[in-house]
Amino acid sequence: MIKSVVKKNLIACIFVCLLCPLAFAKDNFSGPYLGAHFGGAQLDNTIIDSHGYSSHPTGYEFNYDDSNLIGGFVGGYNWRINNWVTGLEADFNFGQIDASSDAFDTSQYDEIVKSTHNWSSTLRGRVGYVFDNFFPYITGGLAVANITNKLTDYDGANVDPRDSYSSTKNQIGWVVGAGAEMEISESWGLRLEGLHMNYGRVDNSTGANTASFGQRNKMNTVRVGLIYFF
């Protein structure tokens, strides 16, 4: 369902862009702006068995993922020299994404690994080239996310806290991506953007400190936005 929504958003944005061959003032895409965006995101996760705790050898890596809708707000400032535009932009994204699996330890299927995206934010630079009212760009910078990583071990119907952990941290990483904006009036624009965020690795230990695990969290987003130019 999420992939279908993202695909429809992409088609709608491209269709609007093709139907708006209007050229506005030569100083467009210059100065401050604010906006809101909406789209789909996939949270990609890897858990690493650092001490051979599961039925697999030490260093075993297991991948799991899931997707959901997210939304947020964006603001920034553009500097234009001729047709080249550079800018600085910050955004905030909300929308819970839960990814989980019981297939980490296939000997008993009694361990649930789970990662939850609570919120995220980026601070990015942008650079691109303006064609009349069309502005494609590339972007990259700093990414921060609040993510909960869990490993829950069940002994029958009960949770064993000695072999489980839950950790919520603000993880810092990097982001790269690309997008395009189309002015639809002197004050408003539409945006289509895709970003890849990598939040690095965090390490956690079970309640009894009998084992430790590393986890890597990444996120990919495709979103459409409405931008107001001041």
C-alpha atoms as a PDB file:
ATOM      1  CA  MET A   1       0.000   0.000   0.000  1.00  0.00           C
ATOM      2  CA  ILE A   2       2.771   2.434   0.928  1.00  0.00           C
ATOM      3  CA  LYS A   3       4.642   1.770  -2.310  1.00  0.00           C
ATOM      4  CA  SER A   4       1.406   2.407  -4.242  1.00  0.00           C
ATOM      5  CA  VAL A   5       0.861   5.752  -2.471  1.00  0.00           C
ATOM      6  CA  VAL A   6       4.460   6.815  -3.134  1.00  0.00           C
ATOM      7  CA  LYS A   7       4.108   5.870  -6.799  1.00  0.00           C
ATOM      8  CA  LYS A   8       0.907   7.890  -7.141  1.00  0.00           C
ATOM      9  CA  ASN A   9       2.568  10.908  -5.504  1.00  0.00           C
ATOM     10  CA  LEU A  10       5.467  10.689  -7.946  1.00  0.00           C
ATOM     11  CA  ILE A  11       3.156  10.496 -10.976  1.00  0.00           C
ATOM     12  CA  ALA A  12       1.014  13.392  -9.735  1.00  0.00           C
ATOM     13  CA  CYS A  13       4.026  15.639  -9.117  1.00  0.00           C
ATOM     14  CA  ILE A  14       5.555  14.906 -12.521  1.00  0.00           C
ATOM     15  CA  PHE A  15       2.198  15.509 -14.213  1.00  0.00           C
ATOM     16  CA  VAL A  16       1.791  18.908 -12.540  1.00  0.00           C
ATOM     17  CA  CYS A  17       5.338  19.867 -13.499  1.00  0.00           C
ATOM     18  CA  LEU A  18       4.709  19.034 -17.140  1.00  0.00           C
ATOM     19  CA  LEU A  19       1.542  21.119 -17.200  1.00  0.00           C
ATOM     20  CA  CYS A  20       3.159  24.245 -15.711  1.00  0.00           C
ATOM     21  CA  PRO A  21       5.605  25.634 -18.326  1.00  0.00           C
ATOM     22  CA  LEU A  22       5.386  29.140 -16.853  1.00  0.00           C
ATOM     23  CA  ALA A  23       8.362  31.425 -16.272  1.00  0.00           C
ATOM     24  CA  PHE A  24       8.309  33.821 -13.352  1.00  0.00           C
ATOM     25  CA  ALA A  25      10.641  36.571 -12.193  1.00  0.00           C
ATOM     26  CA  LYS A  26      14.345  36.089 -12.781  1.00  0.00           C
ATOM     27  CA  ASP A  27      15.041  36.156  -9.037  1.00  0.00           C
ATOM     28  CA  ASN A  28      12.854  33.114  -8.341  1.00  0.00           C
ATOM     29  CA  PHE A  29      14.313  30.433  -6.039  1.00  0.00           C
ATOM     30  CA  SER A  30      16.107  33.151  -4.075  1.00  0.00           C
ATOM     31  CA  GLY A  31      15.606  34.059  -0.410  1.00  0.00           C
ATOM     32  CA  PRO A  32      13.750  32.378   2.484  1.00  0.00           C
ATOM     33  CA  TYR A  33      11.002  29.764   2.226  1.00  0.00           C
ATOM     34  CA  LEU A  34       8.836  27.492   4.377  1.00  0.00           C
ATOM     35  CA  GLY A  35       6.852  24.406   3.496  1.00  0.00           C
ATOM     36  CA  ALA A  36       5.302  21.097   4.418  1.00  0.00           C
ATOM     37  CA  HIS A  37       5.854  17.648   2.936  1.00  0.00           C
ATOM     38  CA  PHE A  38       4.203  14.229   2.928  1.00  0.00           C
ATOM     39  CA  GLY A  39       5.249  10.862   1.560  1.00  0.00           C
ATOM     40  CA  GLY A  40       6.427   7.353   2.219  1.00  0.00           C
ATOM     41  CA  ALA A  41       9.462   6.083   4.141  1.00  0.00           C
ATOM     42  CA  GLN A  42      11.138   2.730   4.591  1.00  0.00           C
ATOM     43  CA  LEU A  43      13.122   1.935   7.717  1.00  0.00           C
ATOM     44  CA  ASP A  44      15.945  -0.552   6.979  1.00  0.00           C
ATOM     45  CA  ASN A  45      17.619  -2.213   9.979  1.00  0.00           C
ATOM     46  CA  THR A  46      20.398  -4.675  10.704  1.00  0.00           C
ATOM     47  CA  ILE A  47      21.103  -6.427  14.004  1.00  0.00           C
ATOM     48  CA  ILE A  48      24.582  -7.891  14.561  1.00  0.00           C
ATOM     49  CA  ASP A  49      25.126 -10.747  17.029  1.00  0.00           C
ATOM     50  CA  SER A  50      28.407  -9.594  18.570  1.00  0.00           C
ATOM     51  CA  HIS A  51      29.007 -12.643  20.790  1.00  0.00           C
ATOM     52  CA  GLY A  52      27.279 -15.569  19.124  1.00  0.00           C
ATOM     53  CA  TYR A  53      24.282 -15.354  21.443  1.00  0.00           C
ATOM     54  CA  SER A  54      21.777 -16.676  18.918  1.00  0.00           C
ATOM     55  CA  SER A  55      21.991 -19.948  17.008  1.00  0.00           C
ATOM     56  CA  HIS A  56      24.297 -18.228  14.499  1.00  0.00           C
ATOM     57  CA  PRO A  57      28.051 -17.612  14.710  1.00  0.00           C
ATOM     58  CA  THR A  58      29.580 -14.479  16.199  1.00  0.00           C
ATOM     59  CA  GLY A  59      29.144 -11.504  13.892  1.00  0.00           C
ATOM     60  CA  TYR A  60      25.991 -12.822  12.230  1.00  0.00           C
ATOM     61  CA  GLU A  61      23.914 -10.022  10.653  1.00  0.00           C
ATOM     62  CA  PHE A  62      20.145 -10.103  10.197  1.00  0.00           C
ATOM     63  CA  ASN A  63      18.174  -7.553   8.161  1.00  0.00           C
ATOM     64  CA  TYR A  64      14.568  -6.479   8.648  1.00  0.00           C
ATOM     65  CA  ASP A  65      12.525  -3.528   7.376  1.00  0.00           C
ATOM     66  CA  ASP A  66       9.089  -1.952   7.080  1.00  0.00           C
ATOM     67  CA  SER A  67       7.507   1.202   5.688  1.00  0.00           C
ATOM     68  CA  ASN A  68       4.870   3.784   6.533  1.00  0.00           C
ATOM     69  CA  LEU A  69       3.680   7.289   5.719  1.00  0.00           C
ATOM     70  CA  ILE A  70       5.487  10.292   7.199  1.00  0.00           C
ATOM     71  CA  GLY A  71       4.997  14.040   7.150  1.00  0.00           C
ATOM     72  CA  GLY A  72       6.850  17.104   8.273  1.00  0.00           C
ATOM     73  CA  PHE A  73       7.912  20.700   7.833  1.00  0.00           C
ATOM     74  CA  VAL A  74      10.820  22.325   6.019  1.00  0.00           C
ATOM     75  CA  GLY A  75      12.451  25.733   5.916  1.00  0.00           C
ATOM     76  CA  GLY A  76      15.536  27.251   4.395  1.00  0.00           C
ATOM     77  CA  TYR A  77      17.264  29.996   2.447  1.00  0.00           C
ATOM     78  CA  ASN A  78      18.478  30.103  -1.177  1.00  0.00           C
ATOM     79  CA  TRP A  79      21.269  32.180  -2.693  1.00  0.00           C
ATOM     80  CA  ARG A  80      21.127  32.624  -6.472  1.00  0.00           C
ATOM     81  CA  ILE A  81      23.964  33.638  -8.811  1.00  0.00           C
ATOM     82  CA  ASN A  82      22.799  33.726 -12.421  1.00  0.00           C
ATOM     83  CA  ASN A  83      21.062  30.354 -12.849  1.00  0.00           C
ATOM     84  CA  TRP A  84      22.983  28.574 -10.088  1.00  0.00           C
ATOM     85  CA  VAL A  85      21.338  28.233  -6.687  1.00  0.00           C
ATOM     86  CA  THR A  86      22.893  27.161  -3.396  1.00  0.00           C
ATOM     87  CA  GLY A  87      20.985  26.907  -0.171  1.00  0.00           C
ATOM     88  CA  LEU A  88      20.777  25.706   3.409  1.00  0.00           C
ATOM     89  CA  GLU A  89      17.730  23.764   4.578  1.00  0.00           C
ATOM     90  CA  ALA A  90      16.396  22.104   7.745  1.00  0.00           C
ATOM     91  CA  ASP A  91      13.430  19.776   8.120  1.00  0.00           C
ATOM     92  CA  PHE A  92      11.571  17.845  10.798  1.00  0.00           C
ATOM     93  CA  ASN A  93       9.744  14.586  10.127  1.00  0.00           C
ATOM     94  CA  PHE A  94       7.160  12.781  12.229  1.00  0.00           C
ATOM     95  CA  GLY A  95       5.314   9.513  11.729  1.00  0.00           C
ATOM     96  CA  GLN A  96       5.992   6.223  13.497  1.00  0.00           C
ATOM     97  CA  ILE A  97       7.571   3.403  11.509  1.00  0.00           C
ATOM     98  CA  ASP A  98       7.781  -0.009  13.210  1.00  0.00           C
ATOM     99  CA  ALA A  99       9.931  -2.762  11.723  1.00  0.00           C
ATOM    100  CA  SER A 100      10.125  -6.129  13.490  1.00  0.00           C
ATOM    101  CA  SER A 101      10.850  -9.812  12.924  1.00  0.00           C
ATOM    102  CA  ASP A 102      10.869 -13.094  14.846  1.00  0.00           C
ATOM    103  CA  ALA A 103      13.322 -14.743  12.433  1.00  0.00           C
ATOM    104  CA  PHE A 104      16.556 -13.508  14.024  1.00  0.00           C
ATOM    105  CA  ASP A 105      17.051 -16.786  15.934  1.00  0.00           C
ATOM    106  CA  THR A 106      15.533 -19.529  13.805  1.00  0.00           C
ATOM    107  CA  SER A 107      16.247 -22.290  16.339  1.00  0.00           C
ATOM    108  CA  GLN A 108      13.217 -21.367  18.463  1.00  0.00           C
ATOM    109  CA  TYR A 109      11.697 -18.194  16.974  1.00  0.00           C
ATOM    110  CA  ASP A 110      11.369 -16.856  20.525  1.00  0.00           C
ATOM    111  CA  GLU A 111      13.303 -13.586  20.039  1.00  0.00           C
ATOM    112  CA  ILE A 112      11.645 -10.515  18.530  1.00  0.00           C
ATOM    113  CA  VAL A 113      13.841  -7.743  17.124  1.00  0.00           C
ATOM    114  CA  LYS A 114      12.164  -4.394  16.584  1.00  0.00           C
ATOM    115  CA  SER A 115      13.156  -0.875  15.543  1.00  0.00           C
ATOM    116  CA  THR A 116      10.864   2.153  15.724  1.00  0.00           C
ATOM    117  CA  HIS A 117      11.365   5.529  14.043  1.00  0.00           C
ATOM    118  CA  ASN A 118       9.892   8.143  16.400  1.00  0.00           C
ATOM    119  CA  TRP A 119      11.032  11.334  14.676  1.00  0.00           C
ATOM    120  CA  SER A 120      13.876  12.568  12.493  1.00  0.00           C
ATOM    121  CA  SER A 121      15.446  15.802  11.276  1.00  0.00           C
ATOM    122  CA  THR A 122      18.068  16.880   8.757  1.00  0.00           C
ATOM    123  CA  LEU A 123      20.268  19.916   8.149  1.00  0.00           C
ATOM    124  CA  ARG A 124      21.363  19.977   4.518  1.00  0.00           C
ATOM    125  CA  GLY A 125      23.062  22.025   1.883  1.00  0.00           C
ATOM    126  CA  ARG A 126      21.547  22.224  -1.609  1.00  0.00           C
ATOM    127  CA  VAL A 127      22.923  23.118  -5.022  1.00  0.00           C
ATOM    128  CA  GLY A 128      21.183  23.142  -8.374  1.00  0.00           C
ATOM    129  CA  TYR A 129      20.520  24.947 -11.646  1.00  0.00           C
ATOM    130  CA  VAL A 130      17.348  26.869 -12.525  1.00  0.00           C
ATOM    131  CA  PHE A 131      15.589  26.353 -15.869  1.00  0.00           C
ATOM    132  CA  ASP A 132      12.942  29.109 -15.980  1.00  0.00           C
ATOM    133  CA  ASN A 133      10.612  27.990 -13.157  1.00  0.00           C
ATOM    134  CA  PHE A 134      12.093  24.509 -12.762  1.00  0.00           C
ATOM    135  CA  PHE A 135      14.844  23.842 -10.205  1.00  0.00           C
ATOM    136  CA  PRO A 136      16.483  20.390  -9.963  1.00  0.00           C
ATOM    137  CA  TYR A 137      19.031  19.993  -7.174  1.00  0.00           C
ATOM    138  CA  ILE A 138      21.198  17.645  -5.150  1.00  0.00           C
ATOM    139  CA  THR A 139      21.402  17.793  -1.369  1.00  0.00           C
ATOM    140  CA  GLY A 140      23.307  16.347   1.573  1.00  0.00           C
ATOM    141  CA  GLY A 141      24.309  16.932   5.169  1.00  0.00           C
ATOM    142  CA  LEU A 142      23.558  15.935   8.754  1.00  0.00           C
ATOM    143  CA  ALA A 143      20.758  13.576   9.826  1.00  0.00           C
ATOM    144  CA  VAL A 144      19.389  12.966  13.332  1.00  0.00           C
ATOM    145  CA  ALA A 145      16.716  10.466  14.355  1.00  0.00           C
ATOM    146  CA  ASN A 146      15.135   9.263  17.567  1.00  0.00           C
ATOM    147  CA  ILE A 147      14.998   5.485  17.205  1.00  0.00           C
ATOM    148  CA  THR A 148      14.026   2.716  19.611  1.00  0.00           C
ATOM    149  CA  ASN A 149      15.844  -0.608  19.143  1.00  0.00           C
ATOM    150  CA  LYS A 150      14.623  -3.682  21.007  1.00  0.00           C
ATOM    151  CA  LEU A 151      15.409  -7.341  21.443  1.00  0.00           C
ATOM    152  CA  THR A 152      12.738  -9.230  23.381  1.00  0.00           C
ATOM    153  CA  ASP A 153      13.361 -12.821  24.478  1.00  0.00           C
ATOM    154  CA  TYR A 154      10.379 -14.967  25.429  1.00  0.00           C
ATOM    155  CA  ASP A 155      10.481 -17.942  27.792  1.00  0.00           C
ATOM    156  CA  GLY A 156       7.152 -19.455  26.965  1.00  0.00           C
ATOM    157  CA  ALA A 157       4.607 -16.656  27.258  1.00  0.00           C
ATOM    158  CA  ASN A 158       6.788 -14.517  29.523  1.00  0.00           C
ATOM    159  CA  VAL A 159       9.475 -11.952  28.651  1.00  0.00           C
ATOM    160  CA  ASP A 160      12.933 -12.782  30.016  1.00  0.00           C
ATOM    161  CA  PRO A 161      14.447  -9.383  30.972  1.00  0.00           C
ATOM    162  CA  ARG A 162      17.905 -10.939  31.454  1.00  0.00           C
ATOM    163  CA  ASP A 163      18.147 -11.721  27.733  1.00  0.00           C
ATOM    164  CA  SER A 164      16.274  -8.658  26.453  1.00  0.00           C
ATOM    165  CA  TYR A 165      16.933  -4.946  26.005  1.00  0.00           C
ATOM    166  CA  SER A 166      15.195  -1.777  24.874  1.00  0.00           C
ATOM    167  CA  SER A 167      17.090   1.388  24.034  1.00  0.00           C
ATOM    168  CA  THR A 168      15.865   4.743  22.705  1.00  0.00           C
ATOM    169  CA  LYS A 169      18.566   7.090  21.437  1.00  0.00           C
ATOM    170  CA  ASN A 170      19.035  10.185  19.301  1.00  0.00           C
ATOM    171  CA  GLN A 171      21.253   8.798  16.552  1.00  0.00           C
ATOM    172  CA  ILE A 172      23.391  11.088  14.388  1.00  0.00           C
ATOM    173  CA  GLY A 173      24.365  10.230  10.824  1.00  0.00           C
ATOM    174  CA  TRP A 174      24.339  11.589   7.286  1.00  0.00           C
ATOM    175  CA  VAL A 175      21.859  12.168   4.471  1.00  0.00           C
ATOM    176  CA  VAL A 176      22.107  12.481   0.677  1.00  0.00           C
ATOM    177  CA  GLY A 177      19.440  12.940  -1.939  1.00  0.00           C
ATOM    178  CA  ALA A 178      18.038  14.808  -4.906  1.00  0.00           C
ATOM    179  CA  GLY A 179      14.876  16.606  -5.851  1.00  0.00           C
ATOM    180  CA  ALA A 180      13.183  19.188  -8.013  1.00  0.00           C
ATOM    181  CA  GLU A 181      10.960  22.205  -7.428  1.00  0.00           C
ATOM    182  CA  MET A 182       8.470  23.804  -9.795  1.00  0.00           C
ATOM    183  CA  GLU A 183       7.046  27.276  -9.222  1.00  0.00           C
ATOM    184  CA  ILE A 184       3.291  27.335  -9.790  1.00  0.00           C
ATOM    185  CA  SER A 185       2.937  31.027  -8.869  1.00  0.00           C
ATOM    186  CA  GLU A 186       5.184  33.852  -7.684  1.00  0.00           C
ATOM    187  CA  SER A 187       4.795  32.674  -4.073  1.00  0.00           C
ATOM    188  CA  TRP A 188       4.120  28.925  -4.251  1.00  0.00           C
ATOM    189  CA  GLY A 189       5.991  25.894  -5.503  1.00  0.00           C
ATOM    190  CA  LEU A 190       5.701  22.118  -5.656  1.00  0.00           C
ATOM    191  CA  ARG A 191       8.542  19.817  -4.698  1.00  0.00           C
ATOM    192  CA  LEU A 192       9.414  16.169  -5.289  1.00  0.00           C
ATOM    193  CA  GLU A 193      12.347  14.810  -3.266  1.00  0.00           C
ATOM    194  CA  GLY A 194      14.056  11.547  -2.381  1.00  0.00           C
ATOM    195  CA  LEU A 195      16.475  11.156   0.546  1.00  0.00           C
ATOM    196  CA  HIS A 196      18.654   8.395   1.984  1.00  0.00           C
ATOM    197  CA  MET A 197      19.542   8.645   5.687  1.00  0.00           C
ATOM    198  CA  ASN A 198      22.189   6.526   7.420  1.00  0.00           C
ATOM    199  CA  TYR A 199      22.173   6.763  11.227  1.00  0.00           C
ATOM    200  CA  GLY A 200      25.222   4.608  11.870  1.00  0.00           C
ATOM    201  CA  ARG A 201      25.577   1.863  14.451  1.00  0.00           C
ATOM    202  CA  VAL A 202      24.523   1.657  18.087  1.00  0.00           C
ATOM    203  CA  ASP A 203      25.459  -1.114  20.563  1.00  0.00           C
ATOM    204  CA  ASN A 204      23.312  -2.540  23.353  1.00  0.00           C
ATOM    205  CA  SER A 205      23.644  -5.278  25.986  1.00  0.00           C
ATOM    206  CA  THR A 206      21.015  -7.587  27.429  1.00  0.00           C
ATOM    207  CA  GLY A 207      19.683  -6.998  30.926  1.00  0.00           C
ATOM    208  CA  ALA A 208      22.091  -9.466  32.523  1.00  0.00           C
ATOM    209  CA  ASN A 209      25.008  -8.290  30.340  1.00  0.00           C
ATOM    210  CA  THR A 210      25.307 -11.812  28.980  1.00  0.00           C
ATOM    211  CA  ALA A 211      25.429 -10.664  25.348  1.00  0.00           C
ATOM    212  CA  SER A 212      25.757  -7.530  23.250  1.00  0.00           C
ATOM    213  CA  PHE A 213      24.338  -6.578  19.881  1.00  0.00           C
ATOM    214  CA  GLY A 214      25.012  -3.904  17.309  1.00  0.00           C
ATOM    215  CA  GLN A 215      22.243  -2.336  15.278  1.00  0.00           C
ATOM    216  CA  ARG A 216      22.361  -0.208  12.152  1.00  0.00           C
ATOM    217  CA  ASN A 217      19.388   1.931  11.130  1.00  0.00           C
ATOM    218  CA  LYS A 218      18.801   3.552   7.740  1.00  0.00           C
ATOM    219  CA  MET A 219      15.813   5.249   6.156  1.00  0.00           C
ATOM    220  CA  ASN A 220      14.743   6.072   2.607  1.00  0.00           C
ATOM    221  CA  THR A 221      12.011   8.590   1.857  1.00  0.00           C
ATOM    222  CA  VAL A 222      10.141   9.816  -1.198  1.00  0.00           C
ATOM    223  CA  ARG A 223       7.961  12.841  -0.513  1.00  0.00           C
ATOM    224  CA  VAL A 224       6.073  15.671  -2.174  1.00  0.00           C
ATOM    225  CA  GLY A 225       5.936  19.149  -0.696  1.00  0.00           C
ATOM    226  CA  LEU A 226       4.229  22.512  -0.958  1.00  0.00           C
ATOM    227  CA  ILE A 227       6.633  25.453  -0.594  1.00  0.00           C
ATOM    228  CA  TYR A 228       5.909  29.121   0.145  1.00  0.00           C
ATOM    229  CA  PHE A 229       8.509  31.634  -1.047  1.00  0.00           C
ATOM    230  CA  PHE A 230       8.827  34.885   0.900  1.00  0.00           C
END
